[in-house]
Protein backbone atom coordinates (compact mmCIF):
# COMPACT_ATOMS: atom_id res chain seq x y z
CA MET A 1 -7.80 -14.08 -2.02
CA ALA A 2 -4.72 -12.06 -1.18
CA VAL A 3 -5.84 -9.67 1.56
CA PHE A 4 -4.24 -11.16 4.57
CA ALA A 5 -4.29 -7.99 7.10
CA LYS A 6 -7.58 -6.13 7.26
CA VAL A 7 -6.55 -2.32 7.59
CA SER A 8 -9.45 -0.14 8.34
CA GLY A 9 -9.65 3.35 6.15
CA SER A 10 -8.96 5.19 9.27
CA ASP A 11 -5.67 3.44 9.91
CA ILE A 12 -4.79 3.88 6.22
CA SER A 13 -5.62 7.68 6.41
CA THR A 14 -3.46 7.72 9.65
CA PHE A 15 -0.46 6.10 8.05
CA ILE A 16 -0.45 8.07 4.87
CA SER A 17 -1.02 11.43 6.69
CA GLY A 18 3.02 11.57 7.25
CA VAL A 19 3.36 11.35 3.22
CA ASP A 20 2.69 14.41 1.09
CA ILE A 21 0.08 12.39 -1.34
CA GLY A 22 -2.92 14.44 -0.58
CA LYS A 23 -5.79 13.83 1.74
CA PHE A 24 -7.21 10.42 1.86
CA LEU A 25 -10.46 9.71 0.14
CA SER A 26 -11.04 6.17 0.06
CA CYS A 27 -9.53 2.73 -0.11
CA ARG A 28 -10.46 -0.67 -1.16
CA GLU A 29 -8.69 -4.00 -1.06
CA ILE A 30 -7.07 -5.63 -3.95
CA VAL A 31 -7.74 -9.30 -3.87
CA GLU A 32 -6.22 -10.27 -7.41
CA LYS A 33 -2.52 -10.76 -6.08
CA VAL A 34 -1.40 -14.06 -4.52
CA GLN A 35 1.05 -12.46 -2.02
CA ASN A 36 0.95 -9.81 0.84
CA THR A 37 -1.84 -7.31 1.32
CA ASN A 38 -2.49 -4.55 -1.15
CA TYR A 39 -4.97 -1.82 -1.07
CA LEU A 40 -5.94 0.67 -3.68
CA VAL A 41 -5.75 4.07 -1.90
CA THR A 42 -7.46 7.24 -3.58
CA THR A 43 -6.28 10.72 -2.38
CA GLY A 44 -6.81 14.07 -3.42
CA GLN A 45 -3.71 13.85 -5.61
CA GLY A 46 -4.05 10.64 -7.13
CA ILE A 47 -4.41 6.71 -6.70
CA TYR A 48 -1.85 4.90 -5.01
CA ILE A 49 -1.17 1.11 -4.14
CA LEU A 50 -0.42 0.52 -0.43
CA ALA A 51 1.38 -2.94 -0.35
CA LEU A 52 2.05 -4.41 3.05
CA PHE A 53 4.95 -7.07 2.94
CA GLU A 54 3.91 -9.46 5.61
CA LYS A 55 6.86 -11.77 5.04
CA PRO A 56 9.68 -10.34 3.24
CA ASP A 57 11.58 -13.49 3.13
CA THR A 58 14.35 -12.37 0.58
CA VAL A 59 16.73 -9.57 -0.16
CA LYS A 60 15.42 -9.43 -3.53
CA GLU A 61 11.96 -8.43 -2.43
CA LEU A 62 13.22 -5.63 -0.20
CA ARG A 63 15.34 -4.38 -3.25
CA PHE A 64 12.26 -4.43 -5.26
CA PHE A 65 10.46 -2.30 -2.87
CA GLY A 66 13.20 0.35 -2.71
CA ALA A 67 12.92 0.50 -6.50
CA TYR A 68 9.01 0.84 -6.32
CA ARG A 69 9.04 3.53 -3.65
CA SER A 70 11.33 5.72 -5.92
CA LEU A 71 9.04 5.42 -8.77
CA SER A 72 6.04 6.29 -6.78
CA PHE A 73 6.87 9.18 -4.53
């Protein structure tokens, strides 16, 4: 199981409220990954992945995150 940090729907809703991706509708844990915590978040504008990097232990991971962010927003 890959969900290490349990995050409530209310917390996710608050977190994404500062980003223009629509109103929070729902979320579910993604357990198929082997690292970090991932949630599938559905908003009024689409479906997004919220990835919580719990141990970004290399610069390589952070570079990937930067590229991922530029593709998703």
